[in-house]
Amino acid sequence: MIASNPFLLIFVLHSPRLTWRDIQHIVVWTSNWEPLKNDQDWSPNGVGLHVNRKFGFGLLVAEKIVELAKPSTFKTVPEKTICRGQINQDRK
């Protein structure tokens, strides 16, 4: 419930324009991991952001969320791309 307030502001600002992927990206790019950095489970993901199995990407920062989601500057995230390939781990 604590996380709902910044999202309510985003939805009021953008209404139907935001997609679920937009919200995910906004949360990830604006989260703050630094106050929780003493936990040993932090590790960088594929794009270098810190992620933790207990805390996700860190604490939500309402001011940053609202700032990034401004209708005048926010660009919708592109559609999800699924890459397929084969991993040959058993090959010797």
Protein backbone atom coordinates (compact mmCIF):
# COMPACT_ATOMS: atom_id res chain seq x y z
CA MET A 1 0.00 0.00 0.00
CA ILE A 2 2.88 2.38 0.69
CA ALA A 3 4.01 2.07 -2.95
CA SER A 4 0.60 3.04 -4.33
CA ASN A 5 0.84 6.81 -3.71
CA PRO A 6 3.51 7.65 -6.30
CA PHE A 7 1.77 5.38 -8.77
CA LEU A 8 -1.54 7.15 -8.20
CA LEU A 9 0.17 10.42 -9.14
CA ILE A 10 1.61 8.83 -12.26
CA PHE A 11 -1.76 7.47 -13.35
CA VAL A 12 -3.44 10.82 -12.77
CA LEU A 13 -0.76 12.52 -14.88
CA HIS A 14 -0.71 9.98 -17.71
CA SER A 15 -3.99 8.12 -17.38
CA PRO A 16 -4.22 5.52 -20.16
CA ARG A 17 -0.92 6.43 -21.85
CA LEU A 18 1.30 4.44 -19.49
CA THR A 19 1.74 0.73 -20.00
CA TRP A 20 2.67 -1.80 -17.33
CA ARG A 21 6.17 -1.88 -18.86
CA ASP A 22 6.41 1.90 -18.50
CA ILE A 23 5.63 1.60 -14.78
CA GLN A 24 8.18 -1.19 -14.37
CA HIS A 25 10.90 0.87 -16.04
CA ILE A 26 10.02 3.98 -14.04
CA VAL A 27 10.30 2.03 -10.78
CA VAL A 28 13.57 0.34 -11.73
CA TRP A 29 15.33 3.48 -12.97
CA THR A 30 14.26 5.63 -9.99
CA SER A 31 14.77 3.18 -7.10
CA ASN A 32 17.48 3.91 -4.54
CA TRP A 33 19.54 0.98 -3.30
CA GLU A 34 22.11 3.01 -1.34
CA PRO A 35 20.29 3.10 2.05
CA LEU A 36 20.19 -0.71 1.93
CA LYS A 37 23.72 -1.24 0.59
CA ASN A 38 24.97 -3.00 3.74
CA ASP A 39 22.94 -6.07 2.81
CA GLN A 40 25.21 -8.70 1.25
CA ASP A 41 22.79 -9.82 -1.50
CA TRP A 42 23.26 -6.87 -3.89
CA SER A 43 24.65 -7.64 -7.32
CA PRO A 44 24.71 -5.81 -10.65
CA ASN A 45 22.28 -6.97 -13.33
CA GLY A 46 22.87 -7.01 -17.09
CA VAL A 47 22.71 -3.22 -17.43
CA GLY A 48 24.69 -2.51 -14.27
CA LEU A 49 21.83 -1.67 -11.91
CA HIS A 50 21.99 -3.08 -8.40
CA VAL A 51 19.38 -5.73 -7.64
CA ASN A 52 18.65 -7.75 -4.51
CA ARG A 53 16.47 -10.82 -4.03
CA LYS A 54 14.96 -9.26 -0.88
CA PHE A 55 14.70 -5.59 -1.88
CA GLY A 56 14.39 -5.70 -5.66
CA PHE A 57 15.99 -2.52 -7.00
CA GLY A 58 15.77 -0.66 -3.67
CA LEU A 59 13.55 1.94 -2.09
CA LEU A 60 10.92 3.81 -4.09
CA VAL A 61 11.56 7.54 -4.40
CA ALA A 62 8.24 9.27 -5.10
CA GLU A 63 9.80 12.54 -6.22
CA LYS A 64 11.99 10.78 -8.80
CA ILE A 65 9.10 8.59 -9.97
CA VAL A 66 6.86 11.60 -10.61
CA GLU A 67 9.70 13.54 -12.24
CA LEU A 68 10.60 10.72 -14.66
CA ALA A 69 6.93 10.13 -15.52
CA LYS A 70 6.21 13.73 -16.53
CA PRO A 71 3.97 13.66 -19.61
CA SER A 72 6.01 16.39 -21.30
CA THR A 73 9.22 14.33 -21.26
CA PHE A 74 8.37 10.65 -20.73
CA LYS A 75 8.67 8.38 -23.75
CA THR A 76 6.83 5.06 -23.69
CA VAL A 77 9.07 2.02 -23.36
CA PRO A 78 9.33 -0.04 -26.58
CA GLU A 79 7.57 -3.40 -26.79
CA LYS A 80 9.26 -6.29 -25.05
CA THR A 81 11.72 -8.21 -27.19
CA ILE A 82 12.12 -11.91 -26.60
CA CYS A 83 15.43 -13.37 -27.70
CA ARG A 84 15.55 -17.08 -28.32
CA GLY A 85 18.58 -19.23 -28.60
CA GLN A 86 20.03 -22.54 -27.66
CA ILE A 87 22.50 -23.16 -24.91
CA ASN A 88 24.62 -26.22 -25.41
CA GLN A 89 25.86 -26.78 -21.86
CA ASP A 90 26.06 -30.55 -22.17
CA ARG A 91 28.41 -30.48 -25.16
CA LYS A 92 31.94 -31.68 -24.52
